[in-house]
Protein backbone atom coordinates (compact mmCIF):
# COMPACT_ATOMS: atom_id res chain seq x y z
CA MET A 1 26.56 -2.86 19.12
CA ASN A 2 22.93 -2.09 18.32
CA LEU A 3 21.45 0.26 15.74
CA ILE A 4 21.28 3.28 18.06
CA GLU A 5 24.94 2.80 19.03
CA LEU A 6 25.89 2.57 15.36
CA ILE A 7 24.35 5.92 14.34
CA PRO A 8 27.22 8.21 15.49
CA HIS A 9 29.68 6.07 13.51
CA LEU A 10 27.76 6.56 10.26
CA LYS A 11 27.16 10.31 10.35
CA THR A 12 30.08 10.84 7.95
CA ILE A 13 31.74 8.55 5.45
CA GLU A 14 35.07 9.06 7.22
CA LYS A 15 33.66 7.84 10.55
CA ALA A 16 31.98 4.88 8.83
CA GLU A 17 35.15 3.82 7.05
CA ALA A 18 37.17 4.16 10.28
CA LEU A 19 34.71 1.92 12.13
CA MET A 20 34.75 -0.71 9.41
CA LYS A 21 38.57 -0.77 9.44
CA LYS A 22 38.27 -1.79 13.10
CA VAL A 23 35.39 -4.28 12.95
CA ALA A 24 35.71 -5.64 9.41
CA PRO A 25 39.20 -4.75 8.15
CA ASP A 26 39.32 -7.37 5.41
CA ILE A 27 35.97 -6.48 3.84
CA ASP A 28 35.45 -3.77 1.23
CA PHE A 29 33.15 -1.05 2.62
CA ASP A 30 30.83 -1.18 -0.41
CA THR A 31 30.19 -4.92 -0.01
CA ILE A 32 29.06 -4.85 3.63
CA ASP A 33 25.42 -5.36 4.55
CA LEU A 34 23.86 -4.53 7.92
CA TYR A 35 22.03 -7.42 9.54
CA LEU A 36 20.08 -7.22 12.80
CA LYS A 37 19.81 -10.22 15.10
CA ASP A 38 16.35 -11.82 15.40
CA LYS A 39 14.29 -8.86 14.15
CA LEU A 40 14.43 -5.29 12.89
CA ALA A 41 14.53 -3.42 16.21
CA LEU A 42 16.49 -0.57 17.76
CA ASP A 43 18.11 -2.82 20.35
CA SER A 44 18.94 -5.73 18.04
CA GLU A 45 22.59 -6.68 17.77
CA ILE A 46 24.21 -5.73 14.45
CA ILE A 47 26.60 -7.79 12.38
CA PHE A 48 28.48 -6.71 9.27
CA PRO A 49 28.84 -9.67 6.90
CA ASP A 50 30.41 -9.33 3.49
CA ASN A 51 27.58 -9.61 0.95
CA GLU A 52 29.90 -11.53 -1.37
CA SER A 53 30.26 -14.37 1.14
CA THR A 54 26.69 -14.55 2.47
CA PRO A 55 23.55 -15.70 0.69
CA ASN A 56 21.52 -13.02 -1.05
CA THR A 57 18.50 -13.38 1.24
CA ILE A 58 16.58 -11.19 3.67
CA VAL A 59 17.27 -13.57 6.57
CA ILE A 60 20.53 -15.42 7.14
CA THR A 61 21.47 -17.92 9.83
CA ILE A 62 24.88 -17.83 11.50
CA ASP A 63 25.70 -20.10 14.45
CA ASP A 64 22.01 -20.96 14.94
CA ALA A 65 21.00 -17.29 15.19
CA GLU A 66 18.86 -15.54 12.59
CA TYR A 67 19.78 -12.13 11.25
CA GLU A 68 17.55 -9.90 9.14
CA ASN A 69 18.98 -7.62 6.47
CA LEU A 70 18.45 -3.91 7.04
CA PHE A 71 20.40 -2.22 4.22
CA PRO A 72 23.77 -2.25 2.54
CA LEU A 73 26.13 -0.30 4.80
CA TYR A 74 26.82 2.41 2.21
CA MET A 75 23.07 3.06 1.86
CA ALA A 76 22.54 3.28 5.62
CA GLN A 77 25.53 5.63 5.91
CA GLU A 78 24.14 7.95 3.22
CA MET A 79 20.69 8.01 4.85
CA ILE A 80 22.12 8.67 8.32
CA GLU A 81 24.38 11.45 7.04
CA GLY A 82 21.38 12.99 5.30
CA TYR A 83 19.31 12.93 8.50
CA ALA A 84 22.22 14.23 10.59
CA THR A 85 22.89 17.20 8.31
CA GLY A 86 19.31 17.91 7.22
CA TYR A 87 17.75 17.52 10.66
CA PRO A 88 20.52 18.36 13.18
CA ASN A 89 18.11 18.27 16.14
CA LEU A 90 17.26 14.58 15.66
CA SER A 91 18.69 12.29 18.32
CA ASP A 92 20.52 9.10 17.42
CA THR A 93 17.46 7.15 18.58
CA GLU A 94 15.19 9.17 16.29
CA ILE A 95 17.51 8.64 13.32
CA ALA A 96 17.66 4.91 14.04
CA GLN A 97 13.87 4.75 14.24
CA ARG A 98 13.53 6.53 10.90
CA LEU A 99 15.85 3.95 9.31
CA LEU A 100 13.77 1.12 10.71
CA ASP A 101 10.52 2.76 9.62
CA TYR A 102 11.88 3.16 6.11
CA ALA A 103 13.08 -0.44 5.98
CA ILE A 104 9.76 -1.78 7.23
CA ASN A 105 7.38 0.49 5.30
CA ASP A 106 9.13 1.76 2.18
CA ALA A 107 12.10 -0.37 1.20
């Protein structure tokens, strides 16, 4: 799953929690961080490690692959829901790009 594919699953807290029950059932929603493989990009693969079991760094290495932290999952979900409700004409790609822009320029 990449960032664009993740957007529909984070438009509401209910959808986000349902997704995490499938992909990370043993991890508390509020302790999950979003990491993107290799670089912050729309097509980068996403992983959902538990922030309590991973180092508190921007970049982590798992199985010889580097992953860069985007945001805590709860923060991304709140931002995406805000974009989805405040700007209903934005596409999932546009919302994903706004998240990346924020992470790169403002966070």
